[in-house]
């Protein structure tokens, strides 16, 4: 769209896309942290089993 309407729509679209990307990135980081925590718990559990 030419003129100010195009700028307004593109501004909102840019913000909307940036929010989507940030949410996807946060979900990926959350999944990685969850996996690391699960691995640490499994390692700790296996160490406890080998000591007894």
C-alpha atoms as a PDB file:
ATOM      1  CA  UNK A   1       0.000   0.000   0.000  1.00  0.00           C
ATOM      2  CA  UNK A   2       1.441   3.373  -0.889  1.00  0.00           C
ATOM      3  CA  UNK A   3       1.554   6.228   1.547  1.00  0.00           C
ATOM      4  CA  UNK A   4       1.222   6.345   5.292  1.00  0.00           C
ATOM      5  CA  UNK A   5      -1.129   3.342   5.465  1.00  0.00           C
ATOM      6  CA  UNK A   6       1.590   1.059   4.155  1.00  0.00           C
ATOM      7  CA  UNK A   7       4.048   2.351   6.739  1.00  0.00           C
ATOM      8  CA  UNK A   8       1.512   1.836   9.515  1.00  0.00           C
ATOM      9  CA  UNK A   9       0.695  -1.722   8.436  1.00  0.00           C
ATOM     10  CA  UNK A  10       4.350  -2.621   7.918  1.00  0.00           C
ATOM     11  CA  UNK A  11       5.226  -1.233  11.366  1.00  0.00           C
ATOM     12  CA  UNK A  12       2.638  -3.418  13.065  1.00  0.00           C
ATOM     13  CA  UNK A  13       3.640  -6.413  10.945  1.00  0.00           C
ATOM     14  CA  UNK A  14       7.295  -5.948  11.891  1.00  0.00           C
ATOM     15  CA  UNK A  15       6.459  -5.865  15.604  1.00  0.00           C
ATOM     16  CA  UNK A  16       4.201  -8.911  15.225  1.00  0.00           C
ATOM     17  CA  UNK A  17       6.934 -10.908  13.466  1.00  0.00           C
ATOM     18  CA  UNK A  18       9.548  -9.869  16.025  1.00  0.00           C
ATOM     19  CA  UNK A  19       7.296 -11.101  18.837  1.00  0.00           C
ATOM     20  CA  UNK A  20       6.810 -14.443  17.094  1.00  0.00           C
ATOM     21  CA  UNK A  21      10.563 -14.895  16.653  1.00  0.00           C
ATOM     22  CA  UNK A  22      11.260 -13.966  20.277  1.00  0.00           C
ATOM     23  CA  UNK A  23       8.639 -16.421  21.532  1.00  0.00           C
ATOM     24  CA  UNK A  24      10.036 -19.246  19.412  1.00  0.00           C
ATOM     25  CA  UNK A  25      13.556 -18.469  20.627  1.00  0.00           C
ATOM     26  CA  UNK A  26      12.387 -18.457  24.271  1.00  0.00           C
ATOM     27  CA  UNK A  27      10.669 -21.828  23.794  1.00  0.00           C
ATOM     28  CA  UNK A  28      13.826 -23.313  22.278  1.00  0.00           C
ATOM     29  CA  UNK A  29      15.959 -22.012  25.168  1.00  0.00           C
ATOM     30  CA  UNK A  30      13.438 -23.349  27.680  1.00  0.00           C
ATOM     31  CA  UNK A  31      13.584 -26.784  26.054  1.00  0.00           C
ATOM     32  CA  UNK A  32      17.383 -26.792  26.114  1.00  0.00           C
ATOM     33  CA  UNK A  33      17.420 -25.830  29.800  1.00  0.00           C
ATOM     34  CA  UNK A  34      14.878 -28.561  30.577  1.00  0.00           C
ATOM     35  CA  UNK A  35      17.030 -31.146  28.789  1.00  0.00           C
ATOM     36  CA  UNK A  36      20.178 -30.039  30.632  1.00  0.00           C
ATOM     37  CA  UNK A  37      18.374 -30.270  33.972  1.00  0.00           C
ATOM     38  CA  UNK A  38      17.075 -33.742  33.155  1.00  0.00           C
ATOM     39  CA  UNK A  39      20.574 -34.900  32.193  1.00  0.00           C
ATOM     40  CA  UNK A  40      22.036 -33.544  35.443  1.00  0.00           C
ATOM     41  CA  UNK A  41      19.356 -35.341  37.458  1.00  0.00           C
ATOM     42  CA  UNK A  42      20.023 -38.603  35.627  1.00  0.00           C
ATOM     43  CA  UNK A  43      23.769 -38.249  36.225  1.00  0.00           C
ATOM     44  CA  UNK A  44      23.205 -37.557  39.903  1.00  0.00           C
ATOM     45  CA  UNK A  45      20.864 -40.533  40.172  1.00  0.00           C
ATOM     46  CA  UNK A  46      23.335 -42.847  38.463  1.00  0.00           C
ATOM     47  CA  UNK A  47      26.139 -41.645  40.781  1.00  0.00           C
ATOM     48  CA  UNK A  48      23.964 -42.431  43.809  1.00  0.00           C
ATOM     49  CA  UNK A  49      23.228 -45.919  42.506  1.00  0.00           C
ATOM     50  CA  UNK A  50      26.893 -46.716  41.892  1.00  0.00           C
ATOM     51  CA  UNK A  51      27.910 -45.571  45.385  1.00  0.00           C
ATOM     52  CA  UNK A  52      25.491 -47.895  47.178  1.00  0.00           C
END
